[in-house]
Amino acid sequence: MQDDRQVRLIRALSAPQSSTRLRAALAAGTEPDDSFVDELVRRCAVDPDFFVRDMLTWALTRCPRDVAVTRVVGELTSSTPQARSQALHTLSKIGDRSVWAMITPDLLHDSDDEVARSAWRAAVMLVPDDQISGLAGELVAELGRGDHDLQRSLSRALVSLGESAIPLLASARSHRDESVRRHAAVTEHLIENPDSDFADAVDHARRVLSLTNAPTVGVDADR
């Protein structure tokens, strides 16, 4: 049976005003209780406001870890992309490496860009040392995917893996797909020049590809 506090929380988390939902999520995290976990997870899948979802994730990180992790992992196979994406984000924030096996190739290559992006970020946070090379291979297979922002996210993930990604990126530089070659060159530059930003890396890749007679039309740093 739900107590009065649970009833009030559930009502507030479903309120039409985002400010009310934000305060409710803050309250749930300030005084965490495992009885809140189901509703927090449910709202992660449906709340339209980014800031509310981020507060829901924070509240879940404050709840008993075993309860929260078990419930959040169940969302990874949801048919709702937002549920999968937010679950991955939450797991990366909780930081429990025991869930590494749940970050499957299906999630890393999810057809939904936000799910894939969240999977990349979670994977590089949770990957065991002996699995880094395998993860680098999975991520390199995504080179060339999506728009400027998505490619930047993938490059950041690969940079986090460091030297394990370098030989795979070198191989990708000869890929038949122009966008893959270009994205590989961008990411190589970011690994070799950690103080460089993505726009600088794009400019560098254009120059390099031009010198090797490769096409230069592609990633646009101004998009």
N, C-alpha and C. Protein backbone atom coordinates (compact mmCIF):
# COMPACT_ATOMS: atom_id res chain seq x y z
N MET A 1 0.84 -1.20 0.00
CA MET A 1 0.00 0.00 0.00
C MET A 1 0.88 1.25 0.00
N GLN A 2 0.51 2.24 -0.77
CA GLN A 2 1.29 3.47 -0.85
C GLN A 2 0.96 4.37 0.33
N ASP A 3 2.01 4.99 0.92
CA ASP A 3 1.75 5.94 1.99
C ASP A 3 1.50 7.32 1.38
N ASP A 4 1.16 8.27 2.23
CA ASP A 4 0.81 9.60 1.74
C ASP A 4 1.97 10.25 0.98
N ARG A 5 3.19 10.03 1.46
CA ARG A 5 4.35 10.64 0.81
C ARG A 5 4.51 10.10 -0.60
N GLN A 6 4.35 8.80 -0.79
CA GLN A 6 4.44 8.21 -2.13
C GLN A 6 3.36 8.76 -3.04
N VAL A 7 2.16 8.86 -2.53
CA VAL A 7 1.05 9.37 -3.33
C VAL A 7 1.32 10.79 -3.78
N ARG A 8 1.81 11.62 -2.88
CA ARG A 8 2.11 13.01 -3.23
C ARG A 8 3.24 13.09 -4.25
N LEU A 9 4.24 12.24 -4.07
CA LEU A 9 5.37 12.25 -5.01
C LEU A 9 4.92 11.84 -6.41
N ILE A 10 4.15 10.78 -6.50
CA ILE A 10 3.67 10.30 -7.80
C ILE A 10 2.85 11.37 -8.49
N ARG A 11 2.01 12.02 -7.72
CA ARG A 11 1.18 13.09 -8.30
C ARG A 11 2.05 14.24 -8.79
N ALA A 12 3.04 14.64 -8.00
CA ALA A 12 3.89 15.77 -8.37
C ALA A 12 4.77 15.44 -9.57
N LEU A 13 5.26 14.20 -9.64
CA LEU A 13 6.11 13.81 -10.77
C LEU A 13 5.34 13.76 -12.09
N SER A 14 4.01 13.71 -12.00
CA SER A 14 3.18 13.68 -13.20
C SER A 14 2.50 15.01 -13.47
N ALA A 15 2.85 16.05 -12.71
CA ALA A 15 2.21 17.35 -12.85
C ALA A 15 2.48 17.96 -14.22
N PRO A 16 1.57 18.78 -14.72
CA PRO A 16 1.78 19.39 -16.04
C PRO A 16 2.92 20.40 -16.07
N GLN A 17 3.23 21.03 -14.93
CA GLN A 17 4.28 22.04 -14.88
C GLN A 17 5.64 21.37 -14.65
N SER A 18 6.58 21.66 -15.52
CA SER A 18 7.91 21.05 -15.38
C SER A 18 8.59 21.46 -14.08
N SER A 19 8.32 22.68 -13.61
CA SER A 19 8.92 23.14 -12.36
C SER A 19 8.46 22.29 -11.18
N THR A 20 7.19 21.88 -11.19
CA THR A 20 6.68 21.02 -10.12
C THR A 20 7.33 19.65 -10.19
N ARG A 21 7.47 19.12 -11.40
CA ARG A 21 8.11 17.80 -11.55
C ARG A 21 9.57 17.86 -11.13
N LEU A 22 10.25 18.97 -11.45
CA LEU A 22 11.65 19.12 -11.08
C LEU A 22 11.80 19.13 -9.56
N ARG A 23 10.93 19.88 -8.88
CA ARG A 23 11.00 19.92 -7.41
C ARG A 23 10.71 18.57 -6.80
N ALA A 24 9.80 17.83 -7.40
CA ALA A 24 9.46 16.50 -6.88
C ALA A 24 10.64 15.55 -7.02
N ALA A 25 11.31 15.60 -8.16
CA ALA A 25 12.48 14.74 -8.36
C ALA A 25 13.59 15.12 -7.39
N LEU A 26 13.78 16.42 -7.17
CA LEU A 26 14.77 16.89 -6.19
C LEU A 26 14.44 16.37 -4.79
N ALA A 27 13.17 16.43 -4.44
CA ALA A 27 12.75 15.95 -3.12
C ALA A 27 13.00 14.45 -2.98
N ALA A 28 12.74 13.71 -4.05
CA ALA A 28 12.93 12.25 -4.01
C ALA A 28 14.40 11.90 -3.81
N GLY A 29 15.29 12.70 -4.37
CA GLY A 29 16.71 12.45 -4.20
C GLY A 29 17.25 12.97 -2.88
N THR A 30 16.65 14.01 -2.36
CA THR A 30 17.09 14.59 -1.09
C THR A 30 16.79 13.65 0.07
N GLU A 31 15.65 12.99 -0.01
CA GLU A 31 15.27 12.00 1.01
C GLU A 31 14.98 10.67 0.29
N PRO A 32 16.03 9.99 -0.16
CA PRO A 32 15.84 8.79 -1.00
C PRO A 32 15.15 7.66 -0.25
N ASP A 33 14.40 6.90 -1.03
CA ASP A 33 13.63 5.78 -0.48
C ASP A 33 13.46 4.77 -1.60
N ASP A 34 13.71 3.48 -1.32
CA ASP A 34 13.60 2.51 -2.40
C ASP A 34 12.18 2.36 -2.92
N SER A 35 11.21 2.83 -2.16
CA SER A 35 9.83 2.76 -2.64
C SER A 35 9.56 3.76 -3.77
N PHE A 36 10.49 4.71 -3.98
CA PHE A 36 10.33 5.70 -5.04
C PHE A 36 10.89 5.21 -6.38
N VAL A 37 11.69 4.17 -6.36
CA VAL A 37 12.47 3.79 -7.53
C VAL A 37 11.59 3.51 -8.75
N ASP A 38 10.56 2.73 -8.59
CA ASP A 38 9.71 2.37 -9.73
C ASP A 38 9.15 3.61 -10.42
N GLU A 39 8.66 4.56 -9.64
CA GLU A 39 8.07 5.75 -10.23
C GLU A 39 9.12 6.64 -10.87
N LEU A 40 10.29 6.76 -10.26
CA LEU A 40 11.36 7.55 -10.86
C LEU A 40 11.78 6.97 -12.21
N VAL A 41 11.92 5.67 -12.27
CA VAL A 41 12.29 5.01 -13.52
C VAL A 41 11.19 5.18 -14.56
N ARG A 42 9.96 5.02 -14.15
CA ARG A 42 8.84 5.18 -15.08
C ARG A 42 8.81 6.57 -15.69
N ARG A 43 9.06 7.58 -14.87
CA ARG A 43 9.04 8.95 -15.36
C ARG A 43 10.22 9.25 -16.29
N CYS A 44 11.35 8.58 -16.05
CA CYS A 44 12.49 8.76 -16.96
C CYS A 44 12.12 8.43 -18.40
N ALA A 45 11.24 7.48 -18.56
CA ALA A 45 10.87 7.02 -19.90
C ALA A 45 9.92 7.95 -20.62
N VAL A 46 9.25 8.82 -19.87
CA VAL A 46 8.18 9.60 -20.51
C VAL A 46 8.29 11.11 -20.32
N ASP A 47 9.08 11.57 -19.36
CA ASP A 47 9.11 13.02 -19.12
C ASP A 47 9.74 13.74 -20.31
N PRO A 48 9.10 14.81 -20.80
CA PRO A 48 9.60 15.49 -22.01
C PRO A 48 10.71 16.50 -21.74
N ASP A 49 10.95 16.82 -20.47
CA ASP A 49 11.89 17.89 -20.13
C ASP A 49 13.27 17.33 -19.76
N PHE A 50 14.30 17.79 -20.46
CA PHE A 50 15.66 17.30 -20.22
C PHE A 50 16.08 17.50 -18.76
N PHE A 51 15.82 18.68 -18.21
CA PHE A 51 16.27 18.97 -16.86
C PHE A 51 15.55 18.13 -15.82
N VAL A 52 14.30 17.85 -16.06
CA VAL A 52 13.57 16.97 -15.15
C VAL A 52 14.16 15.57 -15.22
N ARG A 53 14.41 15.07 -16.43
CA ARG A 53 14.98 13.73 -16.57
C ARG A 53 16.34 13.64 -15.88
N ASP A 54 17.13 14.70 -16.00
CA ASP A 54 18.44 14.68 -15.36
C ASP A 54 18.30 14.65 -13.83
N MET A 55 17.30 15.34 -13.31
CA MET A 55 17.06 15.30 -11.87
C MET A 55 16.53 13.93 -11.44
N LEU A 56 15.72 13.31 -12.28
CA LEU A 56 15.25 11.96 -11.99
C LEU A 56 16.44 10.99 -11.90
N THR A 57 17.37 11.14 -12.83
CA THR A 57 18.57 10.31 -12.79
C THR A 57 19.35 10.56 -11.50
N TRP A 58 19.50 11.82 -11.13
CA TRP A 58 20.21 12.14 -9.88
C TRP A 58 19.51 11.49 -8.69
N ALA A 59 18.19 11.56 -8.67
CA ALA A 59 17.43 10.95 -7.56
C ALA A 59 17.68 9.45 -7.51
N LEU A 60 17.75 8.81 -8.67
CA LEU A 60 18.01 7.37 -8.70
C LEU A 60 19.41 7.03 -8.19
N THR A 61 20.37 7.89 -8.46
CA THR A 61 21.72 7.64 -7.94
C THR A 61 21.77 7.73 -6.43
N ARG A 62 20.78 8.37 -5.85
CA ARG A 62 20.73 8.53 -4.39
C ARG A 62 19.96 7.40 -3.71
N CYS A 63 19.23 6.63 -4.47
CA CYS A 63 18.45 5.52 -3.93
C CYS A 63 19.37 4.32 -3.67
N PRO A 64 18.91 3.35 -2.88
CA PRO A 64 19.72 2.15 -2.64
C PRO A 64 20.19 1.55 -3.96
N ARG A 65 21.49 1.36 -4.09
CA ARG A 65 22.08 1.00 -5.39
C ARG A 65 21.53 -0.31 -5.93
N ASP A 66 21.42 -1.33 -5.11
CA ASP A 66 20.99 -2.63 -5.63
C ASP A 66 19.58 -2.56 -6.19
N VAL A 67 18.72 -1.81 -5.52
CA VAL A 67 17.33 -1.67 -6.00
C VAL A 67 17.30 -0.85 -7.28
N ALA A 68 18.01 0.28 -7.29
CA ALA A 68 17.99 1.16 -8.46
C ALA A 68 18.58 0.49 -9.68
N VAL A 69 19.74 -0.15 -9.53
CA VAL A 69 20.40 -0.77 -10.68
C VAL A 69 19.53 -1.87 -11.28
N THR A 70 18.97 -2.72 -10.44
CA THR A 70 18.13 -3.81 -10.94
C THR A 70 16.95 -3.27 -11.74
N ARG A 71 16.33 -2.22 -11.25
CA ARG A 71 15.16 -1.66 -11.93
C ARG A 71 15.56 -0.94 -13.22
N VAL A 72 16.66 -0.19 -13.18
CA VAL A 72 17.09 0.57 -14.35
C VAL A 72 17.55 -0.37 -15.47
N VAL A 73 18.28 -1.41 -15.13
CA VAL A 73 18.75 -2.36 -16.14
C VAL A 73 17.58 -2.94 -16.93
N GLY A 74 16.46 -3.13 -16.28
CA GLY A 74 15.29 -3.66 -16.97
C GLY A 74 14.79 -2.78 -18.09
N GLU A 75 15.14 -1.49 -18.05
CA GLU A 75 14.71 -0.55 -19.09
C GLU A 75 15.55 -0.64 -20.37
N LEU A 76 16.66 -1.33 -20.30
CA LEU A 76 17.54 -1.39 -21.47
C LEU A 76 16.92 -2.14 -22.64
N THR A 77 15.93 -2.96 -22.37
CA THR A 77 15.25 -3.70 -23.44
C THR A 77 13.88 -3.12 -23.74
N SER A 78 13.60 -1.94 -23.22
CA SER A 78 12.32 -1.30 -23.47
C SER A 78 12.14 -0.99 -24.96
N SER A 79 10.91 -0.99 -25.41
CA SER A 79 10.62 -0.62 -26.79
C SER A 79 10.61 0.90 -26.97
N THR A 80 10.71 1.64 -25.88
CA THR A 80 10.70 3.10 -25.91
C THR A 80 12.13 3.64 -25.93
N PRO A 81 12.54 4.32 -26.99
CA PRO A 81 13.93 4.79 -27.06
C PRO A 81 14.33 5.66 -25.87
N GLN A 82 13.45 6.56 -25.43
CA GLN A 82 13.83 7.42 -24.31
C GLN A 82 14.10 6.61 -23.05
N ALA A 83 13.35 5.53 -22.85
CA ALA A 83 13.58 4.67 -21.69
C ALA A 83 14.97 4.05 -21.75
N ARG A 84 15.36 3.56 -22.94
CA ARG A 84 16.69 2.96 -23.09
C ARG A 84 17.79 4.00 -22.88
N SER A 85 17.60 5.16 -23.52
CA SER A 85 18.61 6.20 -23.45
C SER A 85 18.81 6.70 -22.01
N GLN A 86 17.71 6.98 -21.32
CA GLN A 86 17.84 7.50 -19.96
C GLN A 86 18.37 6.43 -19.00
N ALA A 87 18.02 5.18 -19.25
CA ALA A 87 18.55 4.10 -18.41
C ALA A 87 20.07 4.02 -18.57
N LEU A 88 20.56 4.13 -19.77
CA LEU A 88 22.00 4.11 -20.01
C LEU A 88 22.69 5.28 -19.33
N HIS A 89 22.07 6.44 -19.45
CA HIS A 89 22.62 7.64 -18.80
C HIS A 89 22.67 7.44 -17.28
N THR A 90 21.60 6.89 -16.72
CA THR A 90 21.54 6.67 -15.28
C THR A 90 22.59 5.67 -14.83
N LEU A 91 22.76 4.59 -15.57
CA LEU A 91 23.77 3.59 -15.21
C LEU A 91 25.18 4.18 -15.25
N SER A 92 25.43 5.07 -16.20
CA SER A 92 26.76 5.70 -16.26
C SER A 92 26.97 6.58 -15.04
N LYS A 93 25.92 7.21 -14.55
CA LYS A 93 26.03 8.06 -13.37
C LYS A 93 26.17 7.24 -12.09
N ILE A 94 25.48 6.12 -12.02
CA ILE A 94 25.62 5.24 -10.84
C ILE A 94 27.02 4.65 -10.80
N GLY A 95 27.55 4.28 -11.98
CA GLY A 95 28.94 3.83 -12.08
C GLY A 95 29.20 2.43 -11.57
N ASP A 96 28.20 1.58 -11.60
CA ASP A 96 28.36 0.19 -11.14
C ASP A 96 28.86 -0.65 -12.31
N ARG A 97 30.13 -1.04 -12.29
CA ARG A 97 30.72 -1.75 -13.42
C ARG A 97 30.19 -3.17 -13.57
N SER A 98 29.45 -3.65 -12.59
CA SER A 98 28.90 -5.00 -12.71
C SER A 98 27.86 -5.09 -13.82
N VAL A 99 27.37 -3.95 -14.30
CA VAL A 99 26.35 -3.96 -15.36
C VAL A 99 26.98 -3.88 -16.75
N TRP A 100 28.31 -3.92 -16.84
CA TRP A 100 28.97 -3.80 -18.13
C TRP A 100 28.38 -4.74 -19.18
N ALA A 101 28.12 -5.99 -18.80
CA ALA A 101 27.62 -6.97 -19.77
C ALA A 101 26.26 -6.58 -20.35
N MET A 102 25.56 -5.68 -19.69
CA MET A 102 24.26 -5.23 -20.16
C MET A 102 24.36 -4.19 -21.27
N ILE A 103 25.56 -3.62 -21.46
CA ILE A 103 25.77 -2.64 -22.54
C ILE A 103 26.11 -3.44 -23.80
N THR A 104 25.09 -3.93 -24.44
CA THR A 104 25.25 -4.89 -25.53
C THR A 104 25.58 -4.19 -26.86
N PRO A 105 26.10 -4.96 -27.83
CA PRO A 105 26.29 -4.40 -29.17
C PRO A 105 25.00 -3.82 -29.75
N ASP A 106 23.88 -4.43 -29.45
CA ASP A 106 22.61 -3.90 -29.96
C ASP A 106 22.40 -2.46 -29.50
N LEU A 107 22.77 -2.16 -28.26
CA LEU A 107 22.63 -0.80 -27.74
C LEU A 107 23.68 0.12 -28.35
N LEU A 108 24.90 -0.36 -28.50
CA LEU A 108 25.96 0.46 -29.09
C LEU A 108 25.66 0.83 -30.53
N HIS A 109 24.88 -0.01 -31.21
CA HIS A 109 24.53 0.23 -32.61
C HIS A 109 23.03 0.48 -32.77
N ASP A 110 22.38 0.94 -31.70
CA ASP A 110 20.94 1.17 -31.73
C ASP A 110 20.59 2.13 -32.88
N SER A 111 19.45 1.88 -33.51
CA SER A 111 19.04 2.72 -34.63
C SER A 111 18.65 4.13 -34.20
N ASP A 112 18.32 4.29 -32.93
CA ASP A 112 18.00 5.62 -32.40
C ASP A 112 19.30 6.32 -31.98
N ASP A 113 19.54 7.50 -32.52
CA ASP A 113 20.81 8.18 -32.27
C ASP A 113 21.04 8.48 -30.79
N GLU A 114 19.99 8.89 -30.08
CA GLU A 114 20.17 9.24 -28.68
C GLU A 114 20.48 8.01 -27.83
N VAL A 115 19.88 6.89 -28.17
CA VAL A 115 20.20 5.65 -27.46
C VAL A 115 21.64 5.26 -27.71
N ALA A 116 22.05 5.29 -28.97
CA ALA A 116 23.44 4.93 -29.30
C ALA A 116 24.42 5.86 -28.60
N ARG A 117 24.14 7.16 -28.62
CA ARG A 117 25.02 8.14 -27.97
C ARG A 117 25.15 7.83 -26.47
N SER A 118 24.03 7.55 -25.83
CA SER A 118 24.05 7.23 -24.40
C SER A 118 24.80 5.93 -24.14
N ALA A 119 24.65 4.98 -25.05
CA ALA A 119 25.36 3.70 -24.90
C ALA A 119 26.87 3.91 -25.02
N TRP A 120 27.30 4.74 -25.94
CA TRP A 120 28.74 5.01 -26.08
C TRP A 120 29.29 5.61 -24.80
N ARG A 121 28.58 6.60 -24.27
CA ARG A 121 29.05 7.27 -23.05
C ARG A 121 29.07 6.30 -21.88
N ALA A 122 28.03 5.51 -21.72
CA ALA A 122 27.99 4.55 -20.62
C ALA A 122 29.09 3.51 -20.77
N ALA A 123 29.30 3.05 -21.99
CA ALA A 123 30.28 1.99 -22.23
C ALA A 123 31.69 2.42 -21.83
N VAL A 124 32.08 3.63 -22.22
CA VAL A 124 33.45 4.06 -21.90
C VAL A 124 33.61 4.33 -20.41
N MET A 125 32.50 4.57 -19.71
CA MET A 125 32.57 4.76 -18.26
C MET A 125 32.68 3.42 -17.52
N LEU A 126 32.07 2.38 -18.06
CA LEU A 126 31.91 1.13 -17.33
C LEU A 126 32.80 -0.01 -17.83
N VAL A 127 33.46 0.15 -18.97
CA VAL A 127 34.20 -0.94 -19.57
C VAL A 127 35.36 -1.41 -18.69
N PRO A 128 35.47 -2.71 -18.47
CA PRO A 128 36.65 -3.24 -17.76
C PRO A 128 37.90 -3.07 -18.64
N ASP A 129 39.05 -3.03 -18.01
CA ASP A 129 40.28 -2.81 -18.75
C ASP A 129 40.51 -3.85 -19.84
N ASP A 130 40.14 -5.10 -19.56
CA ASP A 130 40.41 -6.16 -20.53
C ASP A 130 39.40 -6.21 -21.68
N GLN A 131 38.43 -5.29 -21.65
CA GLN A 131 37.43 -5.24 -22.72
C GLN A 131 37.53 -3.97 -23.57
N ILE A 132 38.54 -3.16 -23.29
CA ILE A 132 38.63 -1.88 -23.98
C ILE A 132 38.85 -2.05 -25.49
N SER A 133 39.71 -2.98 -25.86
CA SER A 133 39.98 -3.17 -27.30
C SER A 133 38.72 -3.60 -28.05
N GLY A 134 37.95 -4.50 -27.45
CA GLY A 134 36.71 -4.93 -28.07
C GLY A 134 35.72 -3.79 -28.22
N LEU A 135 35.64 -2.97 -27.19
CA LEU A 135 34.74 -1.81 -27.26
C LEU A 135 35.20 -0.84 -28.34
N ALA A 136 36.50 -0.63 -28.44
CA ALA A 136 37.01 0.26 -29.49
C ALA A 136 36.58 -0.22 -30.87
N GLY A 137 36.61 -1.53 -31.08
CA GLY A 137 36.18 -2.08 -32.36
C GLY A 137 34.71 -1.82 -32.64
N GLU A 138 33.89 -1.95 -31.61
CA GLU A 138 32.46 -1.68 -31.78
C GLU A 138 32.23 -0.21 -32.12
N LEU A 139 32.94 0.67 -31.45
CA LEU A 139 32.72 2.11 -31.68
C LEU A 139 33.26 2.55 -33.03
N VAL A 140 34.39 2.03 -33.44
CA VAL A 140 34.94 2.39 -34.75
C VAL A 140 33.98 2.00 -35.87
N ALA A 141 33.21 0.94 -35.64
CA ALA A 141 32.22 0.52 -36.65
C ALA A 141 31.12 1.56 -36.85
N GLU A 142 31.02 2.53 -35.93
CA GLU A 142 30.00 3.58 -36.04
C GLU A 142 30.55 4.87 -36.67
N LEU A 143 31.80 4.89 -37.04
CA LEU A 143 32.38 6.09 -37.67
C LEU A 143 31.57 6.51 -38.89
N GLY A 144 31.40 7.81 -39.02
CA GLY A 144 30.67 8.35 -40.16
C GLY A 144 29.18 8.46 -39.95
N ARG A 145 28.70 7.97 -38.83
CA ARG A 145 27.26 7.98 -38.58
C ARG A 145 26.78 9.36 -38.12
N GLY A 146 25.65 9.76 -38.64
CA GLY A 146 24.93 10.91 -38.09
C GLY A 146 25.48 12.27 -38.43
N ASP A 147 24.98 13.27 -37.69
CA ASP A 147 25.34 14.66 -37.94
C ASP A 147 26.57 15.05 -37.14
N HIS A 148 26.88 16.33 -37.20
CA HIS A 148 28.06 16.88 -36.53
C HIS A 148 28.09 16.52 -35.04
N ASP A 149 26.98 16.73 -34.35
CA ASP A 149 26.95 16.50 -32.90
C ASP A 149 27.12 15.03 -32.55
N LEU A 150 26.49 14.17 -33.32
CA LEU A 150 26.62 12.74 -33.04
C LEU A 150 28.04 12.27 -33.30
N GLN A 151 28.64 12.74 -34.37
CA GLN A 151 30.02 12.36 -34.67
C GLN A 151 30.97 12.88 -33.60
N ARG A 152 30.72 14.06 -33.10
CA ARG A 152 31.56 14.59 -32.02
C ARG A 152 31.45 13.70 -30.78
N SER A 153 30.23 13.23 -30.46
CA SER A 153 30.05 12.36 -29.30
C SER A 153 30.82 11.05 -29.47
N LEU A 154 30.77 10.49 -30.67
CA LEU A 154 31.51 9.24 -30.91
C LEU A 154 33.01 9.48 -30.81
N SER A 155 33.48 10.58 -31.37
CA SER A 155 34.91 10.89 -31.28
C SER A 155 35.34 11.02 -29.83
N ARG A 156 34.54 11.68 -29.01
CA ARG A 156 34.88 11.82 -27.59
C ARG A 156 34.98 10.46 -26.92
N ALA A 157 34.05 9.59 -27.25
CA ALA A 157 34.09 8.25 -26.66
C ALA A 157 35.36 7.51 -27.06
N LEU A 158 35.73 7.60 -28.33
CA LEU A 158 36.94 6.93 -28.80
C LEU A 158 38.20 7.55 -28.19
N VAL A 159 38.20 8.86 -28.03
CA VAL A 159 39.33 9.52 -27.38
C VAL A 159 39.50 8.99 -25.96
N SER A 160 38.39 8.73 -25.28
CA SER A 160 38.45 8.21 -23.92
C SER A 160 39.12 6.84 -23.86
N LEU A 161 39.06 6.10 -24.95
CA LEU A 161 39.67 4.77 -24.98
C LEU A 161 41.17 4.82 -25.29
N GLY A 162 41.63 5.97 -25.77
CA GLY A 162 43.06 6.18 -25.95
C GLY A 162 43.70 5.30 -27.00
N GLU A 163 44.86 4.74 -26.65
CA GLU A 163 45.70 4.03 -27.61
C GLU A 163 45.03 2.82 -28.23
N SER A 164 44.08 2.21 -27.55
CA SER A 164 43.40 1.04 -28.09
C SER A 164 42.68 1.35 -29.39
N ALA A 165 42.29 2.60 -29.56
CA ALA A 165 41.54 2.96 -30.77
C ALA A 165 42.44 3.31 -31.94
N ILE A 166 43.69 3.63 -31.69
CA ILE A 166 44.56 4.18 -32.74
C ILE A 166 44.74 3.25 -33.94
N PRO A 167 45.10 1.98 -33.76
CA PRO A 167 45.28 1.13 -34.95
C PRO A 167 43.98 0.92 -35.73
N LEU A 168 42.87 0.90 -35.03
CA LEU A 168 41.58 0.73 -35.70
C LEU A 168 41.22 1.97 -36.51
N LEU A 169 41.55 3.13 -35.97
CA LEU A 169 41.30 4.37 -36.71
C LEU A 169 42.20 4.46 -37.93
N ALA A 170 43.44 4.01 -37.78
CA ALA A 170 44.36 4.02 -38.93
C ALA A 170 43.82 3.14 -40.05
N SER A 171 43.26 2.00 -39.70
CA SER A 171 42.67 1.12 -40.70
C SER A 171 41.44 1.77 -41.34
N ALA A 172 40.65 2.46 -40.53
CA ALA A 172 39.43 3.11 -41.04
C ALA A 172 39.75 4.23 -42.01
N ARG A 173 40.97 4.75 -41.95
CA ARG A 173 41.36 5.82 -42.87
C ARG A 173 41.36 5.35 -44.32
N SER A 174 41.36 4.05 -44.55
CA SER A 174 41.33 3.54 -45.93
C SER A 174 39.97 2.92 -46.27
N HIS A 175 38.98 3.19 -45.45
CA HIS A 175 37.63 2.65 -45.68
C HIS A 175 37.07 3.17 -47.01
N ARG A 176 36.21 2.37 -47.63
CA ARG A 176 35.64 2.78 -48.92
C ARG A 176 34.68 3.96 -48.79
N ASP A 177 34.12 4.15 -47.59
CA ASP A 177 33.15 5.22 -47.35
C ASP A 177 33.89 6.51 -46.97
N GLU A 178 33.65 7.55 -47.73
CA GLU A 178 34.33 8.83 -47.50
C GLU A 178 34.07 9.38 -46.10
N SER A 179 32.83 9.29 -45.64
CA SER A 179 32.51 9.86 -44.33
C SER A 179 33.22 9.11 -43.20
N VAL A 180 33.44 7.81 -43.38
CA VAL A 180 34.19 7.04 -42.40
C VAL A 180 35.64 7.47 -42.39
N ARG A 181 36.24 7.60 -43.56
CA ARG A 181 37.64 8.04 -43.64
C ARG A 181 37.83 9.39 -42.96
N ARG A 182 36.92 10.29 -43.24
CA ARG A 182 36.99 11.64 -42.69
C ARG A 182 36.85 11.63 -41.17
N HIS A 183 35.87 10.91 -40.69
CA HIS A 183 35.62 10.86 -39.24
C HIS A 183 36.80 10.19 -38.52
N ALA A 184 37.39 9.19 -39.13
CA ALA A 184 38.57 8.54 -38.55
C ALA A 184 39.72 9.54 -38.42
N ALA A 185 39.94 10.35 -39.45
CA ALA A 185 41.01 11.34 -39.42
C ALA A 185 40.76 12.39 -38.33
N VAL A 186 39.50 12.80 -38.20
CA VAL A 186 39.13 13.75 -37.15
C VAL A 186 39.46 13.18 -35.77
N THR A 187 39.07 11.96 -35.56
CA THR A 187 39.26 11.34 -34.24
C THR A 187 40.72 11.09 -33.94
N GLU A 188 41.48 10.66 -34.93
CA GLU A 188 42.93 10.51 -34.75
C GLU A 188 43.55 11.82 -34.28
N HIS A 189 43.17 12.90 -34.92
CA HIS A 189 43.73 14.21 -34.54
C HIS A 189 43.39 14.55 -33.10
N LEU A 190 42.18 14.25 -32.67
CA LEU A 190 41.77 14.55 -31.30
C LEU A 190 42.55 13.72 -30.28
N ILE A 191 42.85 12.47 -30.62
CA ILE A 191 43.65 11.64 -29.72
C ILE A 191 45.08 12.17 -29.62
N GLU A 192 45.63 12.56 -30.76
CA GLU A 192 47.01 13.04 -30.79
C GLU A 192 47.14 14.46 -30.26
N ASN A 193 46.05 15.22 -30.27
CA ASN A 193 46.07 16.62 -29.83
C ASN A 193 44.90 16.85 -28.88
N PRO A 194 45.03 16.42 -27.63
CA PRO A 194 43.91 16.47 -26.69
C PRO A 194 43.38 17.86 -26.39
N ASP A 195 44.18 18.90 -26.67
CA ASP A 195 43.72 20.27 -26.42
C ASP A 195 42.93 20.84 -27.60
N SER A 196 42.89 20.10 -28.69
CA SER A 196 42.18 20.55 -29.88
C SER A 196 40.68 20.32 -29.71
N ASP A 197 39.86 21.19 -30.31
CA ASP A 197 38.41 20.94 -30.27
C ASP A 197 37.97 20.29 -31.58
N PHE A 198 36.70 19.93 -31.65
CA PHE A 198 36.22 19.15 -32.79
C PHE A 198 36.32 19.95 -34.09
N ALA A 199 36.01 21.24 -34.02
CA ALA A 199 36.07 22.07 -35.23
C ALA A 199 37.49 22.13 -35.78
N ASP A 200 38.47 22.26 -34.89
CA ASP A 200 39.87 22.27 -35.33
C ASP A 200 40.25 20.93 -35.97
N ALA A 201 39.76 19.86 -35.36
CA ALA A 201 40.06 18.53 -35.88
C ALA A 201 39.45 18.33 -37.26
N VAL A 202 38.26 18.87 -37.46
CA VAL A 202 37.62 18.79 -38.78
C VAL A 202 38.46 19.52 -39.83
N ASP A 203 38.92 20.71 -39.49
CA ASP A 203 39.76 21.47 -40.42
C ASP A 203 41.05 20.71 -40.74
N HIS A 204 41.63 20.11 -39.71
CA HIS A 204 42.85 19.33 -39.92
C HIS A 204 42.59 18.15 -40.85
N ALA A 205 41.48 17.45 -40.62
CA ALA A 205 41.15 16.29 -41.44
C ALA A 205 40.94 16.70 -42.90
N ARG A 206 40.33 17.84 -43.12
CA ARG A 206 40.14 18.32 -44.50
C ARG A 206 41.48 18.52 -45.19
N ARG A 207 42.42 19.12 -44.46
CA ARG A 207 43.74 19.37 -45.07
C ARG A 207 44.46 18.06 -45.37
N VAL A 208 44.40 17.13 -44.41
CA VAL A 208 45.07 15.85 -44.60
C VAL A 208 44.49 15.10 -45.78
N LEU A 209 43.18 15.04 -45.85
CA LEU A 209 42.53 14.31 -46.94
C LEU A 209 42.77 14.99 -48.28
N SER A 210 42.86 16.30 -48.25
CA SER A 210 43.15 17.02 -49.49
C SER A 210 44.53 16.67 -50.01
N LEU A 211 45.49 16.57 -49.10
CA LEU A 211 46.86 16.25 -49.50
C LEU A 211 46.99 14.83 -50.03
N THR A 212 46.08 13.96 -49.63
CA THR A 212 46.12 12.57 -50.11
C THR A 212 45.13 12.34 -51.25
N ASN A 213 44.65 13.46 -51.82
CA ASN A 213 43.72 13.43 -52.96
C ASN A 213 42.40 12.76 -52.60
N ALA A 214 42.03 12.80 -51.31
CA ALA A 214 40.71 12.28 -50.92
C ALA A 214 39.70 13.39 -51.03
N PRO A 215 38.41 13.05 -51.27
CA PRO A 215 37.37 14.10 -51.30
C PRO A 215 37.34 14.84 -49.97
N THR A 216 37.05 16.15 -50.02
CA THR A 216 37.06 16.96 -48.80
C THR A 216 35.68 17.44 -48.40
N VAL A 217 34.66 17.17 -49.20
CA VAL A 217 33.31 17.62 -48.86
C VAL A 217 32.74 16.68 -47.80
N GLY A 218 32.23 17.20 -46.71
CA GLY A 218 31.68 16.30 -45.68
C GLY A 218 31.35 16.99 -44.39
N VAL A 219 31.99 16.56 -43.29
CA VAL A 219 31.69 17.09 -41.98
C VAL A 219 31.84 18.59 -41.99
N ASP A 220 30.85 19.29 -41.53
CA ASP A 220 30.86 20.75 -41.53
C ASP A 220 30.92 21.25 -40.10
N ALA A 221 32.02 21.88 -39.73
CA ALA A 221 32.19 22.35 -38.35
C ALA A 221 31.23 23.47 -38.01
N ASP A 222 30.60 24.08 -39.02
CA ASP A 222 29.70 25.20 -38.74
C ASP A 222 28.25 24.79 -38.61
N ARG A 223 27.96 23.48 -38.80
CA ARG A 223 26.56 23.07 -38.71
C ARG A 223 26.09 23.20 -37.30
